[in-house]
Amino acid sequence: MGIGQPPGWPGEALGGFALVPPQDEVYAAFAEAGEDGDVIVHGLPNGRVLMKVTAKRLYLLLDGEPPGKCLSGVFAEAVRRGAIPYSMPALVDLTRFTGQVEWDHVEAVGRMAPWGTDGNSNVAYVVRNHAFHKLIKVASVMFPATRHEIFLNRADAIAWLDSLEKTGPPH
């Protein structure tokens, strides 16, 4: 059982990993998505990765200090379910991420599918400060078929993704 979790909480039987029921505050993290979609959460409240996949885009939130297996776990589950295409606009929110990047799990995500191979893969990263730029640069090398942009607020990131939707993929 996780620290601070009541007996019988949804993730107890799965060693701390589970789909979170709709009443959880997780859904508030994706409120601006404004559309239905699959939500997948791996981890505990002090360190988790949350993913919402809508028809329009993928939203990913790294919260606290999640173990790397949380990142690879949400992607593995989404791929297993057929919930995400290999190329789609994505918003990655790192503003609440305080952990260390476990690059082997980022690489594992890269091996799961041919991400971005249709030329229409754009990721907007929302970060707290410019210290994250080096991390995003490494990610862009690991996922070369994807366009990576960094923003200091969600509104600008969403506006950028929306503008690409209107103009279509780069040629």
C-alpha atoms as a PDB file:
ATOM      1  CA  MET A   1       0.000   0.000   0.000  1.00  0.00           C
ATOM      2  CA  GLY A   2       1.279   3.496  -0.859  1.00  0.00           C
ATOM      3  CA  ILE A   3       2.087   6.028   1.816  1.00  0.00           C
ATOM      4  CA  GLY A   4      -1.004   8.006   2.735  1.00  0.00           C
ATOM      5  CA  GLN A   5      -3.354   5.736   0.794  1.00  0.00           C
ATOM      6  CA  PRO A   6      -6.347   4.166   2.496  1.00  0.00           C
ATOM      7  CA  PRO A   7      -6.720   0.378   2.464  1.00  0.00           C
ATOM      8  CA  GLY A   8      -8.498  -0.762  -0.668  1.00  0.00           C
ATOM      9  CA  TRP A   9      -7.523   2.267  -2.802  1.00  0.00           C
ATOM     10  CA  PRO A  10      -7.675   1.503  -6.561  1.00  0.00           C
ATOM     11  CA  GLY A  11      -3.951   0.854  -7.025  1.00  0.00           C
ATOM     12  CA  GLU A  12      -3.356  -1.342  -3.983  1.00  0.00           C
ATOM     13  CA  ALA A  13      -3.963  -4.643  -5.781  1.00  0.00           C
ATOM     14  CA  LEU A  14      -1.693  -3.583  -8.646  1.00  0.00           C
ATOM     15  CA  GLY A  15       1.297  -2.550  -6.564  1.00  0.00           C
ATOM     16  CA  GLY A  16       0.530   1.145  -6.777  1.00  0.00           C
ATOM     17  CA  PHE A  17      -0.506   1.363 -10.432  1.00  0.00           C
ATOM     18  CA  ALA A  18      -4.089   1.579 -11.594  1.00  0.00           C
ATOM     19  CA  LEU A  19      -6.643   3.376 -13.641  1.00  0.00           C
ATOM     20  CA  VAL A  20      -8.012   6.132 -11.468  1.00  0.00           C
ATOM     21  CA  PRO A  21     -11.779   6.482 -11.110  1.00  0.00           C
ATOM     22  CA  PRO A  22     -13.469   9.629 -12.504  1.00  0.00           C
ATOM     23  CA  GLN A  23     -13.931  11.249  -9.096  1.00  0.00           C
ATOM     24  CA  ASP A  24     -10.159  11.592  -8.663  1.00  0.00           C
ATOM     25  CA  GLU A  25      -8.585  15.036  -8.930  1.00  0.00           C
ATOM     26  CA  VAL A  26      -6.597  13.708 -11.887  1.00  0.00           C
ATOM     27  CA  TYR A  27      -9.399  14.706 -14.224  1.00  0.00           C
ATOM     28  CA  ALA A  28      -9.026  18.331 -13.145  1.00  0.00           C
ATOM     29  CA  ALA A  29      -5.497  18.298 -14.573  1.00  0.00           C
ATOM     30  CA  PHE A  30      -6.980  17.867 -18.034  1.00  0.00           C
ATOM     31  CA  ALA A  31      -9.968  20.193 -17.667  1.00  0.00           C
ATOM     32  CA  GLU A  32      -8.899  22.449 -20.523  1.00  0.00           C
ATOM     33  CA  ALA A  33      -8.876  19.490 -22.897  1.00  0.00           C
ATOM     34  CA  GLY A  34     -12.632  19.978 -23.064  1.00  0.00           C
ATOM     35  CA  GLU A  35     -13.345  16.650 -24.675  1.00  0.00           C
ATOM     36  CA  ASP A  36     -13.750  13.050 -23.713  1.00  0.00           C
ATOM     37  CA  GLY A  37     -10.819  10.714 -23.825  1.00  0.00           C
ATOM     38  CA  ASP A  38      -9.057   7.843 -22.169  1.00  0.00           C
ATOM     39  CA  VAL A  39      -7.199   8.740 -18.973  1.00  0.00           C
ATOM     40  CA  ILE A  40      -4.352   6.538 -17.790  1.00  0.00           C
ATOM     41  CA  VAL A  41      -2.449   7.120 -14.558  1.00  0.00           C
ATOM     42  CA  HIS A  42       0.584   5.290 -13.238  1.00  0.00           C
ATOM     43  CA  GLY A  43       2.111   6.080  -9.878  1.00  0.00           C
ATOM     44  CA  LEU A  44       1.066   7.556  -6.574  1.00  0.00           C
ATOM     45  CA  PRO A  45       0.027  11.126  -5.714  1.00  0.00           C
ATOM     46  CA  ASN A  46       3.612  12.084  -4.793  1.00  0.00           C
ATOM     47  CA  GLY A  47       4.961  10.867  -8.139  1.00  0.00           C
ATOM     48  CA  ARG A  48       2.829   9.906 -11.107  1.00  0.00           C
ATOM     49  CA  VAL A  49       2.405  10.220 -14.822  1.00  0.00           C
ATOM     50  CA  LEU A  50      -1.033  11.090 -16.149  1.00  0.00           C
ATOM     51  CA  MET A  51      -2.070  10.711 -19.782  1.00  0.00           C
ATOM     52  CA  LYS A  52      -5.267  11.749 -21.501  1.00  0.00           C
ATOM     53  CA  VAL A  53      -5.821  10.891 -25.135  1.00  0.00           C
ATOM     54  CA  THR A  54      -8.557  12.773 -26.954  1.00  0.00           C
ATOM     55  CA  ALA A  55      -9.500  12.816 -30.613  1.00  0.00           C
ATOM     56  CA  LYS A  56      -7.564  16.086 -30.942  1.00  0.00           C
ATOM     57  CA  ARG A  57      -4.339  15.459 -29.006  1.00  0.00           C
ATOM     58  CA  LEU A  58      -2.424  13.636 -26.316  1.00  0.00           C
ATOM     59  CA  TYR A  59      -1.946  15.322 -22.926  1.00  0.00           C
ATOM     60  CA  LEU A  60       0.825  14.125 -20.635  1.00  0.00           C
ATOM     61  CA  LEU A  61       1.453  15.432 -17.125  1.00  0.00           C
ATOM     62  CA  LEU A  62       4.430  14.436 -14.992  1.00  0.00           C
ATOM     63  CA  ASP A  63       3.539  15.153 -11.385  1.00  0.00           C
ATOM     64  CA  GLY A  64       6.077  15.146  -8.543  1.00  0.00           C
ATOM     65  CA  GLU A  65       8.807  12.512  -8.613  1.00  0.00           C
ATOM     66  CA  PRO A  66       7.413   9.604 -10.645  1.00  0.00           C
ATOM     67  CA  PRO A  67       9.623   6.569 -11.210  1.00  0.00           C
ATOM     68  CA  GLY A  68      10.587   6.093 -14.851  1.00  0.00           C
ATOM     69  CA  LYS A  69       8.400   2.998 -15.042  1.00  0.00           C
ATOM     70  CA  CYS A  70       5.382   5.303 -14.701  1.00  0.00           C
ATOM     71  CA  LEU A  71       6.261   7.046 -17.973  1.00  0.00           C
ATOM     72  CA  SER A  72       6.917   3.865 -19.913  1.00  0.00           C
ATOM     73  CA  GLY A  73       3.907   2.269 -18.213  1.00  0.00           C
ATOM     74  CA  VAL A  74       1.325   4.815 -19.393  1.00  0.00           C
ATOM     75  CA  PHE A  75       2.615   4.570 -22.951  1.00  0.00           C
ATOM     76  CA  ALA A  76       2.709   0.765 -22.877  1.00  0.00           C
ATOM     77  CA  GLU A  77      -0.866   0.688 -21.623  1.00  0.00           C
ATOM     78  CA  ALA A  78      -2.039   3.221 -24.217  1.00  0.00           C
ATOM     79  CA  VAL A  79      -0.358   1.273 -27.042  1.00  0.00           C
ATOM     80  CA  ARG A  80      -1.775  -2.021 -25.743  1.00  0.00           C
ATOM     81  CA  ARG A  81      -5.279  -0.517 -25.714  1.00  0.00           C
ATOM     82  CA  GLY A  82      -4.836   1.032 -29.164  1.00  0.00           C
ATOM     83  CA  ALA A  83      -5.639   4.385 -27.558  1.00  0.00           C
ATOM     84  CA  ILE A  84      -2.959   6.463 -29.298  1.00  0.00           C
ATOM     85  CA  PRO A  85      -1.895   6.775 -32.916  1.00  0.00           C
ATOM     86  CA  TYR A  86       1.818   6.901 -33.626  1.00  0.00           C
ATOM     87  CA  SER A  87       1.665  10.543 -34.623  1.00  0.00           C
ATOM     88  CA  MET A  88      -0.523  13.168 -33.033  1.00  0.00           C
ATOM     89  CA  PRO A  89      -0.136  16.580 -31.441  1.00  0.00           C
ATOM     90  CA  ALA A  90       0.866  16.347 -27.802  1.00  0.00           C
ATOM     91  CA  LEU A  91       1.077  18.687 -24.827  1.00  0.00           C
ATOM     92  CA  VAL A  92       3.581  17.576 -22.196  1.00  0.00           C
ATOM     93  CA  ASP A  93       3.273  19.460 -18.917  1.00  0.00           C
ATOM     94  CA  LEU A  94       6.463  19.369 -16.851  1.00  0.00           C
ATOM     95  CA  THR A  95       5.581  22.272 -14.553  1.00  0.00           C
ATOM     96  CA  ARG A  96       4.924  19.934 -11.606  1.00  0.00           C
ATOM     97  CA  PHE A  97       7.774  17.508 -12.368  1.00  0.00           C
ATOM     98  CA  THR A  98      10.439  17.494  -9.657  1.00  0.00           C
ATOM     99  CA  GLY A  99      12.090  14.142 -10.289  1.00  0.00           C
ATOM    100  CA  GLN A 100      15.017  12.913 -12.307  1.00  0.00           C
ATOM    101  CA  VAL A 101      14.668  11.744 -15.880  1.00  0.00           C
ATOM    102  CA  GLU A 102      15.246   8.017 -16.210  1.00  0.00           C
ATOM    103  CA  TRP A 103      16.422   7.985 -19.818  1.00  0.00           C
ATOM    104  CA  ASP A 104      16.148   4.211 -20.168  1.00  0.00           C
ATOM    105  CA  HIS A 105      12.378   4.565 -19.776  1.00  0.00           C
ATOM    106  CA  VAL A 106      12.272   7.414 -22.298  1.00  0.00           C
ATOM    107  CA  GLU A 107      14.164   5.128 -24.684  1.00  0.00           C
ATOM    108  CA  ALA A 108      11.655   2.342 -23.941  1.00  0.00           C
ATOM    109  CA  VAL A 109       8.836   4.661 -25.037  1.00  0.00           C
ATOM    110  CA  GLY A 110      10.779   5.334 -28.236  1.00  0.00           C
ATOM    111  CA  ARG A 111      11.012   1.617 -28.977  1.00  0.00           C
ATOM    112  CA  MET A 112       7.260   1.024 -28.522  1.00  0.00           C
ATOM    113  CA  ALA A 113       6.201   2.494 -31.847  1.00  0.00           C
ATOM    114  CA  PRO A 114       7.447   4.441 -34.888  1.00  0.00           C
ATOM    115  CA  TRP A 115       6.477   7.787 -33.301  1.00  0.00           C
ATOM    116  CA  GLY A 116       6.143  10.682 -35.727  1.00  0.00           C
ATOM    117  CA  THR A 117       6.924   8.788 -38.889  1.00  0.00           C
ATOM    118  CA  ASP A 118       4.037  10.330 -40.845  1.00  0.00           C
ATOM    119  CA  GLY A 119       5.515  13.826 -40.412  1.00  0.00           C
ATOM    120  CA  ASN A 120       2.643  15.099 -38.294  1.00  0.00           C
ATOM    121  CA  SER A 121       4.049  14.738 -34.811  1.00  0.00           C
ATOM    122  CA  ASN A 122       4.359  17.928 -32.769  1.00  0.00           C
ATOM    123  CA  VAL A 123       5.028  18.135 -29.045  1.00  0.00           C
ATOM    124  CA  ALA A 124       4.591  21.286 -26.969  1.00  0.00           C
ATOM    125  CA  TYR A 125       6.403  21.112 -23.636  1.00  0.00           C
ATOM    126  CA  VAL A 126       5.222  23.382 -20.832  1.00  0.00           C
ATOM    127  CA  VAL A 127       8.043  23.980 -18.352  1.00  0.00           C
ATOM    128  CA  ARG A 128       8.598  26.049 -15.194  1.00  0.00           C
ATOM    129  CA  ASN A 129      11.854  27.609 -16.344  1.00  0.00           C
ATOM    130  CA  HIS A 130      14.639  27.477 -18.893  1.00  0.00           C
ATOM    131  CA  ALA A 131      16.504  24.774 -16.977  1.00  0.00           C
ATOM    132  CA  PHE A 132      14.317  22.231 -18.817  1.00  0.00           C
ATOM    133  CA  HIS A 133      15.647  23.228 -22.255  1.00  0.00           C
ATOM    134  CA  LYS A 134      18.540  20.759 -22.102  1.00  0.00           C
ATOM    135  CA  LEU A 135      16.162  17.906 -21.262  1.00  0.00           C
ATOM    136  CA  ILE A 136      13.944  18.775 -24.225  1.00  0.00           C
ATOM    137  CA  LYS A 137      16.976  18.993 -26.502  1.00  0.00           C
ATOM    138  CA  VAL A 138      17.936  15.438 -25.539  1.00  0.00           C
ATOM    139  CA  ALA A 139      14.337  14.284 -26.128  1.00  0.00           C
ATOM    140  CA  SER A 140      14.373  15.881 -29.584  1.00  0.00           C
ATOM    141  CA  VAL A 141      17.461  13.834 -30.492  1.00  0.00           C
ATOM    142  CA  MET A 142      15.776  10.654 -29.226  1.00  0.00           C
ATOM    143  CA  PHE A 143      12.599  11.382 -31.234  1.00  0.00           C
ATOM    144  CA  PRO A 144      13.909  12.991 -34.445  1.00  0.00           C
ATOM    145  CA  ALA A 145      10.693  12.563 -36.450  1.00  0.00           C
ATOM    146  CA  THR A 146       8.853  14.815 -33.997  1.00  0.00           C
ATOM    147  CA  ARG A 147       8.894  18.603 -33.792  1.00  0.00           C
ATOM    148  CA  HIS A 148       9.583  19.787 -30.212  1.00  0.00           C
ATOM    149  CA  GLU A 149       8.785  23.286 -28.878  1.00  0.00           C
ATOM    150  CA  ILE A 150       9.125  24.691 -25.356  1.00  0.00           C
ATOM    151  CA  PHE A 151       6.681  27.065 -23.648  1.00  0.00           C
ATOM    152  CA  LEU A 152       6.460  28.686 -20.240  1.00  0.00           C
ATOM    153  CA  ASN A 153       2.645  28.530 -20.132  1.00  0.00           C
ATOM    154  CA  ARG A 154      -0.126  26.203 -21.292  1.00  0.00           C
ATOM    155  CA  ALA A 155      -2.043  28.853 -23.235  1.00  0.00           C
ATOM    156  CA  ASP A 156       0.893  29.511 -25.586  1.00  0.00           C
ATOM    157  CA  ALA A 157       1.544  25.787 -25.992  1.00  0.00           C
ATOM    158  CA  ILE A 158      -2.074  25.080 -26.886  1.00  0.00           C
ATOM    159  CA  ALA A 159      -2.183  28.068 -29.254  1.00  0.00           C
ATOM    160  CA  TRP A 160       0.899  26.720 -31.052  1.00  0.00           C
ATOM    161  CA  LEU A 161      -0.610  23.232 -31.398  1.00  0.00           C
ATOM    162  CA  ASP A 162      -3.902  24.745 -32.607  1.00  0.00           C
ATOM    163  CA  SER A 163      -2.056  26.863 -35.202  1.00  0.00           C
ATOM    164  CA  LEU A 164      -0.349  23.763 -36.590  1.00  0.00           C
ATOM    165  CA  GLU A 165      -3.711  22.052 -36.851  1.00  0.00           C
ATOM    166  CA  LYS A 166      -4.969  24.894 -39.063  1.00  0.00           C
ATOM    167  CA  THR A 167      -1.895  24.996 -41.301  1.00  0.00           C
ATOM    168  CA  GLY A 168      -1.308  21.254 -41.509  1.00  0.00           C
ATOM    169  CA  PRO A 169       1.918  19.295 -41.156  1.00  0.00           C
ATOM    170  CA  PRO A 170       5.212  20.860 -42.289  1.00  0.00           C
ATOM    171  CA  HIS A 171       6.553  19.633 -45.606  1.00  0.00           C
END
